[in-house]
């Protein structure tokens, strides 16, 4: 028995410069437009027998815009950023430069009072491990880019600091398969 999971990164909810930690804003106009443009290609994802999403507004809206009707999963929420929630990296760096340095350098730290990177990766990995195996048309999850990165780090058993080396673009699809207890990354051509 195996698991085949496609991870779809949500459409954007703000420009890169306006990106905020633990952001729950809905899709912006560019995000809606991008989802509508991508719908003819991404509509194939609706064949997944089980469709999930992060509980954030932009993940739910991405799923809805693509006709996926995903079920929200609390374990797929973005990293809990504690008191940094809703602030940009620039704002936090200006106010707490040492805390940001600690957070970026030590995956086990949580100077913001929320979840450490290690705890976040472990939570997402725990969700991965509970996906049902079987002869199905597969699974789909619409999630924040950070959740996709955490899933990749977990599945590939990469060191936690490698999280910072993975770029996930809006509306990109990443496929993970699990056979005999081990995860594999499948790149599509």
N, C-alpha and C. Protein backbone atom coordinates (compact mmCIF):
# COMPACT_ATOMS: atom_id res chain seq x y z
N UNK A 1 0.84 -1.18 0.00
CA UNK A 1 0.00 0.00 0.00
C UNK A 1 0.89 1.24 0.00
N UNK A 2 0.42 2.27 -0.66
CA UNK A 2 1.21 3.49 -0.74
C UNK A 2 0.31 4.71 -0.56
N UNK A 3 0.97 5.83 -0.37
CA UNK A 3 0.29 7.13 -0.26
C UNK A 3 0.87 8.02 -1.34
N UNK A 4 0.02 8.70 -2.05
CA UNK A 4 0.45 9.69 -3.05
C UNK A 4 -0.23 11.00 -2.68
N UNK A 5 0.57 11.98 -2.29
CA UNK A 5 0.06 13.28 -1.83
C UNK A 5 0.59 14.38 -2.69
N UNK A 6 -0.31 15.16 -3.25
CA UNK A 6 0.07 16.36 -4.00
C UNK A 6 -0.15 17.56 -3.08
N UNK A 7 0.90 18.37 -2.95
CA UNK A 7 0.84 19.59 -2.15
C UNK A 7 0.76 20.77 -3.10
N UNK A 8 -0.32 21.51 -3.02
CA UNK A 8 -0.52 22.70 -3.86
C UNK A 8 -0.30 23.93 -3.00
N UNK A 9 0.68 24.74 -3.36
CA UNK A 9 0.92 25.99 -2.62
C UNK A 9 -0.19 26.98 -2.96
N UNK A 10 -0.74 27.61 -1.95
CA UNK A 10 -1.84 28.55 -2.13
C UNK A 10 -1.43 29.72 -3.01
N UNK A 11 -2.42 30.30 -3.67
CA UNK A 11 -2.19 31.54 -4.41
C UNK A 11 -1.84 32.63 -3.41
N UNK A 12 -1.26 33.70 -3.88
CA UNK A 12 -0.78 34.73 -2.97
C UNK A 12 -1.90 35.56 -2.36
N UNK A 13 -1.61 36.05 -1.17
CA UNK A 13 -2.57 36.92 -0.48
C UNK A 13 -1.99 38.32 -0.31
N UNK A 14 -0.73 38.53 -0.70
CA UNK A 14 -0.10 39.85 -0.62
C UNK A 14 1.19 39.81 -1.42
N UNK A 15 1.72 40.98 -1.70
CA UNK A 15 3.01 41.02 -2.38
C UNK A 15 4.08 40.49 -1.44
N UNK A 16 5.20 40.08 -1.98
CA UNK A 16 6.27 39.51 -1.17
C UNK A 16 6.71 40.48 -0.07
N UNK A 17 6.79 41.75 -0.39
CA UNK A 17 7.23 42.74 0.60
C UNK A 17 6.21 42.94 1.71
N UNK A 18 4.96 42.64 1.44
CA UNK A 18 3.91 42.82 2.45
C UNK A 18 3.57 41.52 3.17
N UNK A 19 4.32 40.45 2.90
CA UNK A 19 4.06 39.17 3.53
C UNK A 19 4.25 39.27 5.03
N UNK A 20 3.28 38.77 5.75
CA UNK A 20 3.30 38.84 7.21
C UNK A 20 3.34 37.45 7.80
N UNK A 21 3.95 37.34 8.98
CA UNK A 21 4.00 36.05 9.67
C UNK A 21 2.60 35.60 10.04
N UNK A 22 2.37 34.29 9.84
CA UNK A 22 1.11 33.67 10.28
C UNK A 22 -0.08 34.48 9.76
N UNK A 23 -0.02 34.81 8.46
CA UNK A 23 -0.98 35.72 7.84
C UNK A 23 -2.26 34.98 7.45
N UNK A 24 -3.40 35.51 7.83
CA UNK A 24 -4.67 34.87 7.50
C UNK A 24 -5.51 35.75 6.57
N UNK A 25 -4.84 36.60 5.79
CA UNK A 25 -5.60 37.45 4.87
C UNK A 25 -6.12 36.62 3.71
N UNK A 26 -7.25 37.04 3.13
CA UNK A 26 -7.77 36.33 1.95
C UNK A 26 -6.89 36.61 0.74
N UNK A 27 -7.17 35.91 -0.36
CA UNK A 27 -6.43 36.15 -1.60
C UNK A 27 -6.56 37.60 -2.02
N UNK A 28 -5.48 38.16 -2.55
CA UNK A 28 -5.58 39.51 -3.11
C UNK A 28 -6.01 39.37 -4.58
N UNK A 29 -6.19 40.49 -5.26
CA UNK A 29 -6.67 40.46 -6.65
C UNK A 29 -5.72 39.65 -7.53
N UNK A 30 -4.42 39.83 -7.34
CA UNK A 30 -3.45 39.08 -8.15
C UNK A 30 -3.54 37.58 -7.86
N UNK A 31 -3.79 37.21 -6.61
CA UNK A 31 -3.94 35.80 -6.25
C UNK A 31 -5.16 35.18 -6.91
N UNK A 32 -6.28 35.91 -6.88
CA UNK A 32 -7.50 35.41 -7.54
C UNK A 32 -7.26 35.25 -9.04
N UNK A 33 -6.63 36.25 -9.64
CA UNK A 33 -6.38 36.21 -11.08
C UNK A 33 -5.47 35.03 -11.43
N UNK A 34 -4.43 34.83 -10.65
CA UNK A 34 -3.51 33.72 -10.90
C UNK A 34 -4.22 32.37 -10.77
N UNK A 35 -5.07 32.23 -9.75
CA UNK A 35 -5.81 30.98 -9.56
C UNK A 35 -6.75 30.73 -10.74
N UNK A 36 -7.41 31.78 -11.20
CA UNK A 36 -8.31 31.63 -12.34
C UNK A 36 -7.55 31.24 -13.61
N UNK A 37 -6.37 31.83 -13.81
CA UNK A 37 -5.54 31.50 -14.98
C UNK A 37 -5.03 30.06 -14.90
N UNK A 38 -4.72 29.60 -13.68
CA UNK A 38 -4.16 28.26 -13.50
C UNK A 38 -5.23 27.17 -13.47
N UNK A 39 -6.48 27.54 -13.30
CA UNK A 39 -7.56 26.56 -13.14
C UNK A 39 -7.60 25.51 -14.25
N UNK A 40 -7.46 25.86 -15.52
CA UNK A 40 -7.52 24.82 -16.56
C UNK A 40 -6.44 23.74 -16.40
N UNK A 41 -5.28 24.11 -15.90
CA UNK A 41 -4.19 23.15 -15.70
C UNK A 41 -4.36 22.40 -14.38
N UNK A 42 -4.75 23.14 -13.33
CA UNK A 42 -4.82 22.54 -12.00
C UNK A 42 -6.14 21.82 -11.72
N UNK A 43 -7.10 21.92 -12.61
CA UNK A 43 -8.39 21.25 -12.38
C UNK A 43 -8.22 19.73 -12.27
N UNK A 44 -7.14 19.18 -12.82
CA UNK A 44 -6.87 17.73 -12.72
C UNK A 44 -6.70 17.29 -11.28
N UNK A 45 -6.36 18.24 -10.39
CA UNK A 45 -6.17 17.90 -8.98
C UNK A 45 -7.48 17.51 -8.30
N UNK A 46 -8.60 17.87 -8.91
CA UNK A 46 -9.90 17.52 -8.34
C UNK A 46 -10.14 16.01 -8.38
N UNK A 47 -9.32 15.27 -9.11
CA UNK A 47 -9.45 13.82 -9.15
C UNK A 47 -9.02 13.16 -7.85
N UNK A 48 -8.32 13.89 -7.00
CA UNK A 48 -7.89 13.34 -5.71
C UNK A 48 -9.12 12.94 -4.90
N UNK A 49 -9.08 11.75 -4.33
CA UNK A 49 -10.22 11.27 -3.56
C UNK A 49 -10.38 12.02 -2.25
N UNK A 50 -9.26 12.41 -1.64
CA UNK A 50 -9.31 13.19 -0.40
C UNK A 50 -8.60 14.50 -0.64
N UNK A 51 -9.32 15.61 -0.36
CA UNK A 51 -8.77 16.95 -0.60
C UNK A 51 -8.81 17.74 0.70
N UNK A 52 -7.64 18.23 1.10
CA UNK A 52 -7.49 18.96 2.35
C UNK A 52 -6.95 20.36 2.07
N UNK A 53 -7.00 21.20 3.10
CA UNK A 53 -6.35 22.51 3.01
C UNK A 53 -6.02 23.01 4.41
N UNK A 54 -5.13 23.96 4.43
CA UNK A 54 -4.85 24.70 5.66
C UNK A 54 -6.12 25.47 6.00
N UNK A 55 -6.35 25.78 7.27
CA UNK A 55 -7.55 26.53 7.62
C UNK A 55 -7.49 28.02 7.28
N UNK A 56 -6.37 28.51 6.74
CA UNK A 56 -6.25 29.94 6.43
C UNK A 56 -7.18 30.33 5.29
N UNK A 57 -7.55 31.61 5.29
CA UNK A 57 -8.48 32.12 4.27
C UNK A 57 -7.93 31.92 2.86
N UNK A 58 -6.66 32.25 2.64
CA UNK A 58 -6.16 32.16 1.25
C UNK A 58 -6.01 30.71 0.78
N UNK A 59 -5.80 29.77 1.67
CA UNK A 59 -5.76 28.36 1.26
C UNK A 59 -7.16 27.86 0.93
N UNK A 60 -8.12 28.18 1.77
CA UNK A 60 -9.50 27.77 1.49
C UNK A 60 -9.98 28.40 0.18
N UNK A 61 -9.68 29.69 -0.02
CA UNK A 61 -10.11 30.37 -1.24
C UNK A 61 -9.41 29.83 -2.48
N UNK A 62 -8.14 29.46 -2.36
CA UNK A 62 -7.44 28.85 -3.50
C UNK A 62 -8.14 27.55 -3.88
N UNK A 63 -8.43 26.71 -2.90
CA UNK A 63 -9.14 25.46 -3.17
C UNK A 63 -10.48 25.70 -3.81
N UNK A 64 -11.22 26.67 -3.29
CA UNK A 64 -12.54 26.97 -3.84
C UNK A 64 -12.45 27.53 -5.26
N UNK A 65 -11.46 28.42 -5.50
CA UNK A 65 -11.30 29.01 -6.83
C UNK A 65 -10.99 27.95 -7.88
N UNK A 66 -10.37 26.86 -7.45
CA UNK A 66 -10.01 25.78 -8.37
C UNK A 66 -11.06 24.66 -8.39
N UNK A 67 -12.17 24.86 -7.65
CA UNK A 67 -13.23 23.87 -7.63
C UNK A 67 -12.88 22.59 -6.89
N UNK A 68 -11.99 22.69 -5.90
CA UNK A 68 -11.51 21.51 -5.19
C UNK A 68 -12.32 21.15 -3.95
N UNK A 69 -13.01 22.11 -3.36
CA UNK A 69 -13.80 21.90 -2.14
C UNK A 69 -13.01 21.13 -1.07
N UNK A 70 -11.85 21.67 -0.65
CA UNK A 70 -11.03 20.94 0.32
C UNK A 70 -11.56 21.05 1.75
N UNK A 71 -11.21 20.07 2.56
CA UNK A 71 -11.58 20.02 3.97
C UNK A 71 -10.44 20.62 4.79
N UNK A 72 -10.73 21.63 5.61
CA UNK A 72 -9.70 22.29 6.42
C UNK A 72 -9.13 21.34 7.47
N UNK A 73 -7.81 21.36 7.61
CA UNK A 73 -7.09 20.53 8.57
C UNK A 73 -6.27 21.42 9.48
N UNK A 74 -6.58 21.53 10.77
CA UNK A 74 -5.80 22.38 11.67
C UNK A 74 -4.31 22.07 11.67
N UNK A 75 -3.92 20.82 11.47
CA UNK A 75 -2.49 20.45 11.48
C UNK A 75 -1.74 21.06 10.29
N UNK A 76 -2.45 21.54 9.28
CA UNK A 76 -1.81 22.14 8.11
C UNK A 76 -1.70 23.66 8.22
N UNK A 77 -2.00 24.20 9.39
CA UNK A 77 -1.85 25.65 9.55
C UNK A 77 -0.37 26.03 9.51
N UNK A 78 -0.12 27.28 9.17
CA UNK A 78 1.26 27.76 9.11
C UNK A 78 1.86 27.77 10.51
N UNK A 79 3.16 27.98 10.58
CA UNK A 79 3.87 28.01 11.85
C UNK A 79 3.29 29.08 12.78
N UNK A 80 3.07 28.72 14.03
CA UNK A 80 2.58 29.68 15.04
C UNK A 80 3.72 30.62 15.38
N UNK A 81 3.57 31.87 15.00
CA UNK A 81 4.63 32.85 15.18
C UNK A 81 4.47 33.72 16.43
N UNK A 82 3.60 33.30 17.34
CA UNK A 82 3.48 33.99 18.63
C UNK A 82 3.26 35.48 18.48
N UNK A 83 4.05 36.27 19.18
CA UNK A 83 3.85 37.72 19.18
C UNK A 83 4.26 38.38 17.86
N UNK A 84 4.92 37.63 16.96
CA UNK A 84 5.28 38.18 15.65
C UNK A 84 4.13 38.05 14.64
N UNK A 85 3.08 37.38 15.03
CA UNK A 85 1.95 37.18 14.11
C UNK A 85 1.45 38.50 13.57
N UNK A 86 1.27 38.56 12.26
CA UNK A 86 0.74 39.75 11.61
C UNK A 86 1.78 40.81 11.28
N UNK A 87 3.02 40.58 11.66
CA UNK A 87 4.09 41.54 11.38
C UNK A 87 4.97 41.03 10.25
N UNK A 88 5.64 41.96 9.54
CA UNK A 88 6.56 41.57 8.48
C UNK A 88 7.92 41.25 9.08
N UNK A 89 8.75 40.53 8.32
CA UNK A 89 10.10 40.24 8.78
C UNK A 89 10.87 41.54 9.02
N UNK A 90 10.68 42.52 8.14
CA UNK A 90 11.35 43.82 8.31
C UNK A 90 10.98 44.49 9.61
N UNK A 91 9.69 44.47 9.96
CA UNK A 91 9.23 45.08 11.21
C UNK A 91 9.84 44.37 12.42
N UNK A 92 9.84 43.06 12.38
CA UNK A 92 10.37 42.28 13.51
C UNK A 92 11.88 42.46 13.62
N UNK A 93 12.57 42.46 12.48
CA UNK A 93 14.02 42.64 12.50
C UNK A 93 14.40 44.00 13.08
N UNK A 94 13.64 45.03 12.74
CA UNK A 94 13.92 46.37 13.27
C UNK A 94 13.69 46.43 14.78
N UNK A 95 12.67 45.72 15.26
CA UNK A 95 12.32 45.76 16.69
C UNK A 95 13.12 44.76 17.53
N UNK A 96 13.42 43.59 16.97
CA UNK A 96 14.07 42.51 17.74
C UNK A 96 15.15 41.82 16.91
N UNK A 97 16.21 42.53 16.54
CA UNK A 97 17.22 41.92 15.66
C UNK A 97 17.88 40.68 16.24
N UNK A 98 18.16 40.64 17.50
CA UNK A 98 18.81 39.45 18.09
C UNK A 98 17.86 38.26 18.11
N UNK A 99 16.59 38.52 18.38
CA UNK A 99 15.61 37.44 18.39
C UNK A 99 15.47 36.83 16.99
N UNK A 100 15.48 37.67 15.96
CA UNK A 100 15.38 37.17 14.59
C UNK A 100 16.62 36.35 14.25
N UNK A 101 17.78 36.82 14.65
CA UNK A 101 19.03 36.09 14.42
C UNK A 101 18.99 34.71 15.10
N UNK A 102 18.51 34.68 16.33
CA UNK A 102 18.39 33.40 17.05
C UNK A 102 17.42 32.48 16.34
N UNK A 103 16.28 33.00 15.93
CA UNK A 103 15.25 32.21 15.26
C UNK A 103 15.76 31.62 13.94
N UNK A 104 16.49 32.43 13.16
CA UNK A 104 17.01 31.95 11.89
C UNK A 104 18.17 30.96 12.07
N UNK A 105 18.92 31.08 13.15
CA UNK A 105 20.09 30.25 13.36
C UNK A 105 19.87 28.98 14.16
N UNK A 106 18.81 28.95 14.94
CA UNK A 106 18.55 27.80 15.82
C UNK A 106 17.14 27.28 15.57
N UNK A 107 16.99 26.18 14.81
CA UNK A 107 15.66 25.65 14.49
C UNK A 107 14.83 25.22 15.69
N UNK A 108 15.49 25.03 16.85
CA UNK A 108 14.76 24.64 18.05
C UNK A 108 14.28 25.83 18.87
N UNK A 109 14.63 27.04 18.45
CA UNK A 109 14.27 28.23 19.24
C UNK A 109 12.91 28.78 18.81
N UNK A 110 12.29 29.48 19.73
CA UNK A 110 11.01 30.15 19.45
C UNK A 110 10.99 31.47 20.22
N UNK A 111 11.87 32.41 19.85
CA UNK A 111 11.95 33.66 20.59
C UNK A 111 10.68 34.51 20.49
N UNK A 112 9.82 34.19 19.56
CA UNK A 112 8.56 34.90 19.37
C UNK A 112 7.47 34.40 20.31
N UNK A 113 7.75 33.30 21.01
CA UNK A 113 6.77 32.75 21.94
C UNK A 113 5.79 31.80 21.29
N UNK A 114 6.01 31.47 20.04
CA UNK A 114 5.12 30.53 19.33
C UNK A 114 5.77 29.17 19.19
N UNK A 115 5.76 28.68 17.98
CA UNK A 115 6.23 27.34 17.67
C UNK A 115 7.64 27.42 17.07
N UNK A 116 8.54 26.55 17.50
CA UNK A 116 9.87 26.50 16.88
C UNK A 116 9.75 25.86 15.51
N UNK A 117 10.76 26.05 14.68
CA UNK A 117 10.79 25.43 13.37
C UNK A 117 10.75 23.91 13.49
N UNK A 118 11.48 23.36 14.45
CA UNK A 118 11.48 21.91 14.68
C UNK A 118 10.08 21.42 15.04
N UNK A 119 9.40 22.14 15.93
CA UNK A 119 8.04 21.75 16.32
C UNK A 119 7.08 21.84 15.13
N UNK A 120 7.23 22.86 14.32
CA UNK A 120 6.40 23.04 13.13
C UNK A 120 6.60 21.88 12.15
N UNK A 121 7.84 21.55 11.84
CA UNK A 121 8.15 20.45 10.94
C UNK A 121 7.60 19.14 11.50
N UNK A 122 7.74 18.94 12.79
CA UNK A 122 7.24 17.72 13.44
C UNK A 122 5.72 17.63 13.35
N UNK A 123 5.04 18.77 13.55
CA UNK A 123 3.56 18.78 13.46
C UNK A 123 3.11 18.41 12.05
N UNK A 124 3.71 19.05 11.04
CA UNK A 124 3.33 18.76 9.66
C UNK A 124 3.68 17.30 9.32
N UNK A 125 4.83 16.83 9.79
CA UNK A 125 5.22 15.43 9.57
C UNK A 125 4.25 14.46 10.21
N UNK A 126 3.77 14.80 11.40
CA UNK A 126 2.77 13.96 12.06
C UNK A 126 1.50 13.84 11.23
N UNK A 127 1.11 14.94 10.60
CA UNK A 127 -0.07 14.91 9.72
C UNK A 127 0.22 14.00 8.51
N UNK A 128 1.40 14.14 7.93
CA UNK A 128 1.77 13.29 6.79
C UNK A 128 1.65 11.81 7.14
N UNK A 129 2.17 11.46 8.31
CA UNK A 129 2.22 10.06 8.71
C UNK A 129 0.83 9.46 8.97
N UNK A 130 -0.17 10.28 9.17
CA UNK A 130 -1.51 9.76 9.43
C UNK A 130 -2.39 9.72 8.18
N UNK A 131 -1.81 10.01 7.01
CA UNK A 131 -2.61 9.93 5.78
C UNK A 131 -2.86 8.47 5.44
N UNK A 132 -4.09 8.19 5.02
CA UNK A 132 -4.43 6.79 4.74
C UNK A 132 -3.74 6.26 3.48
N UNK A 133 -3.28 5.04 3.57
CA UNK A 133 -2.67 4.36 2.42
C UNK A 133 -3.73 3.54 1.72
N UNK A 134 -3.52 3.29 0.47
CA UNK A 134 -4.44 2.44 -0.25
C UNK A 134 -4.38 2.68 -1.73
N UNK A 135 -5.21 1.97 -2.44
CA UNK A 135 -5.29 2.12 -3.89
C UNK A 135 -6.32 3.19 -4.20
N UNK A 136 -5.91 4.44 -4.06
CA UNK A 136 -6.83 5.56 -4.29
C UNK A 136 -6.29 6.43 -5.40
N UNK A 137 -7.11 7.39 -5.79
CA UNK A 137 -6.68 8.37 -6.79
C UNK A 137 -5.75 9.39 -6.16
N UNK A 138 -5.44 9.23 -4.91
CA UNK A 138 -4.48 10.10 -4.26
C UNK A 138 -5.09 11.12 -3.33
N UNK A 139 -4.20 11.89 -2.76
CA UNK A 139 -4.57 12.92 -1.79
C UNK A 139 -4.05 14.25 -2.28
N UNK A 140 -4.71 15.31 -1.86
CA UNK A 140 -4.31 16.67 -2.21
C UNK A 140 -4.40 17.53 -0.97
N UNK A 141 -3.45 18.43 -0.81
CA UNK A 141 -3.51 19.41 0.27
C UNK A 141 -3.12 20.78 -0.29
N UNK A 142 -3.97 21.77 -0.07
CA UNK A 142 -3.67 23.16 -0.42
C UNK A 142 -3.13 23.80 0.85
N UNK A 143 -1.92 24.30 0.78
CA UNK A 143 -1.27 24.80 2.00
C UNK A 143 -0.38 25.99 1.71
N UNK A 144 0.01 26.68 2.78
CA UNK A 144 0.96 27.77 2.67
C UNK A 144 2.31 27.24 2.19
N UNK A 145 3.08 28.05 1.51
CA UNK A 145 4.42 27.60 1.10
C UNK A 145 5.25 27.08 2.27
N UNK A 146 5.12 27.67 3.45
CA UNK A 146 5.87 27.21 4.62
C UNK A 146 5.50 25.79 5.01
N UNK A 147 4.25 25.44 4.87
CA UNK A 147 3.80 24.08 5.18
C UNK A 147 4.37 23.09 4.17
N UNK A 148 4.40 23.49 2.90
CA UNK A 148 4.99 22.63 1.86
C UNK A 148 6.48 22.42 2.17
N UNK A 149 7.18 23.49 2.53
CA UNK A 149 8.60 23.38 2.87
C UNK A 149 8.80 22.45 4.07
N UNK A 150 7.97 22.61 5.10
CA UNK A 150 8.07 21.75 6.29
C UNK A 150 7.82 20.29 5.92
N UNK A 151 6.84 20.04 5.04
CA UNK A 151 6.55 18.67 4.61
C UNK A 151 7.74 18.07 3.86
N UNK A 152 8.38 18.86 3.04
CA UNK A 152 9.54 18.37 2.30
C UNK A 152 10.71 18.05 3.23
N UNK A 153 10.97 18.93 4.17
CA UNK A 153 12.06 18.69 5.12
C UNK A 153 11.79 17.40 5.89
N UNK A 154 10.56 17.23 6.35
CA UNK A 154 10.20 16.02 7.10
C UNK A 154 10.33 14.78 6.22
N UNK A 155 9.69 14.82 5.05
CA UNK A 155 9.64 13.64 4.19
C UNK A 155 11.03 13.20 3.74
N UNK A 156 11.90 14.15 3.46
CA UNK A 156 13.24 13.82 2.98
C UNK A 156 14.24 13.63 4.12
N UNK A 157 13.76 13.76 5.35
CA UNK A 157 14.60 13.62 6.53
C UNK A 157 15.81 14.55 6.45
N UNK A 158 15.57 15.74 5.93
CA UNK A 158 16.62 16.75 5.80
C UNK A 158 16.82 17.46 7.14
N UNK A 159 17.97 18.05 7.37
CA UNK A 159 18.17 18.80 8.61
C UNK A 159 17.22 20.00 8.64
N UNK A 160 16.71 20.36 9.82
CA UNK A 160 15.74 21.45 9.90
C UNK A 160 16.18 22.76 9.25
N UNK A 161 17.47 23.10 9.31
CA UNK A 161 17.90 24.37 8.73
C UNK A 161 17.77 24.39 7.21
N UNK A 162 17.60 23.22 6.57
CA UNK A 162 17.41 23.19 5.12
C UNK A 162 16.05 23.79 4.72
N UNK A 163 15.17 23.96 5.69
CA UNK A 163 13.88 24.61 5.46
C UNK A 163 14.08 25.96 4.76
N UNK A 164 15.12 26.69 5.17
CA UNK A 164 15.37 28.03 4.64
C UNK A 164 15.90 28.00 3.21
N UNK A 165 16.26 26.84 2.70
CA UNK A 165 16.85 26.70 1.36
C UNK A 165 15.83 26.25 0.31
N UNK A 166 14.58 26.13 0.68
CA UNK A 166 13.55 25.65 -0.24
C UNK A 166 12.63 26.80 -0.61
N UNK A 167 12.50 27.07 -1.90
CA UNK A 167 11.57 28.09 -2.39
C UNK A 167 10.33 27.38 -2.94
N UNK A 168 9.18 27.83 -2.51
CA UNK A 168 7.92 27.27 -2.98
C UNK A 168 7.10 28.42 -3.56
N UNK A 169 6.82 28.33 -4.84
CA UNK A 169 6.09 29.38 -5.53
C UNK A 169 4.58 29.18 -5.40
N UNK A 170 3.81 30.27 -5.39
CA UNK A 170 2.35 30.14 -5.35
C UNK A 170 1.85 29.27 -6.51
N UNK A 171 0.90 28.43 -6.21
CA UNK A 171 0.23 27.55 -7.16
C UNK A 171 1.15 26.47 -7.75
N UNK A 172 2.29 26.24 -7.12
CA UNK A 172 3.15 25.14 -7.55
C UNK A 172 2.65 23.85 -6.91
N UNK A 173 2.92 22.73 -7.57
CA UNK A 173 2.49 21.43 -7.09
C UNK A 173 3.73 20.57 -6.81
N UNK A 174 3.76 19.99 -5.62
CA UNK A 174 4.83 19.10 -5.20
C UNK A 174 4.19 17.76 -4.86
N UNK A 175 4.77 16.67 -5.34
CA UNK A 175 4.21 15.35 -5.08
C UNK A 175 5.13 14.55 -4.17
N UNK A 176 4.55 14.01 -3.10
CA UNK A 176 5.25 13.10 -2.19
C UNK A 176 4.56 11.75 -2.27
N UNK A 177 5.35 10.69 -2.30
CA UNK A 177 4.79 9.35 -2.25
C UNK A 177 5.45 8.60 -1.10
N UNK A 178 4.66 7.75 -0.44
CA UNK A 178 5.21 6.93 0.65
C UNK A 178 4.97 5.47 0.31
N UNK A 179 6.06 4.72 0.32
CA UNK A 179 6.01 3.28 0.11
C UNK A 179 6.91 2.64 1.15
N UNK A 180 6.45 1.59 1.74
CA UNK A 180 7.24 0.84 2.71
C UNK A 180 7.81 1.74 3.81
N UNK A 181 7.01 2.71 4.24
CA UNK A 181 7.40 3.55 5.35
C UNK A 181 8.36 4.68 5.04
N UNK A 182 8.71 4.87 3.77
CA UNK A 182 9.63 5.95 3.45
C UNK A 182 9.03 6.86 2.38
N UNK A 183 9.30 8.16 2.51
CA UNK A 183 8.76 9.16 1.62
C UNK A 183 9.73 9.44 0.47
N UNK A 184 9.17 9.73 -0.69
CA UNK A 184 9.95 10.11 -1.86
C UNK A 184 9.34 11.37 -2.48
N UNK A 185 10.20 12.19 -3.03
CA UNK A 185 9.79 13.39 -3.75
C UNK A 185 9.71 13.05 -5.22
N UNK A 186 8.59 13.39 -5.82
CA UNK A 186 8.44 13.14 -7.26
C UNK A 186 8.29 14.49 -7.97
N UNK A 187 9.20 14.77 -8.88
CA UNK A 187 9.15 16.01 -9.65
C UNK A 187 8.45 15.72 -10.96
N UNK A 188 7.54 16.61 -11.33
CA UNK A 188 6.77 16.42 -12.55
C UNK A 188 7.42 17.20 -13.69
N UNK A 189 7.38 16.64 -14.89
CA UNK A 189 7.98 17.29 -16.05
C UNK A 189 6.98 18.03 -16.87
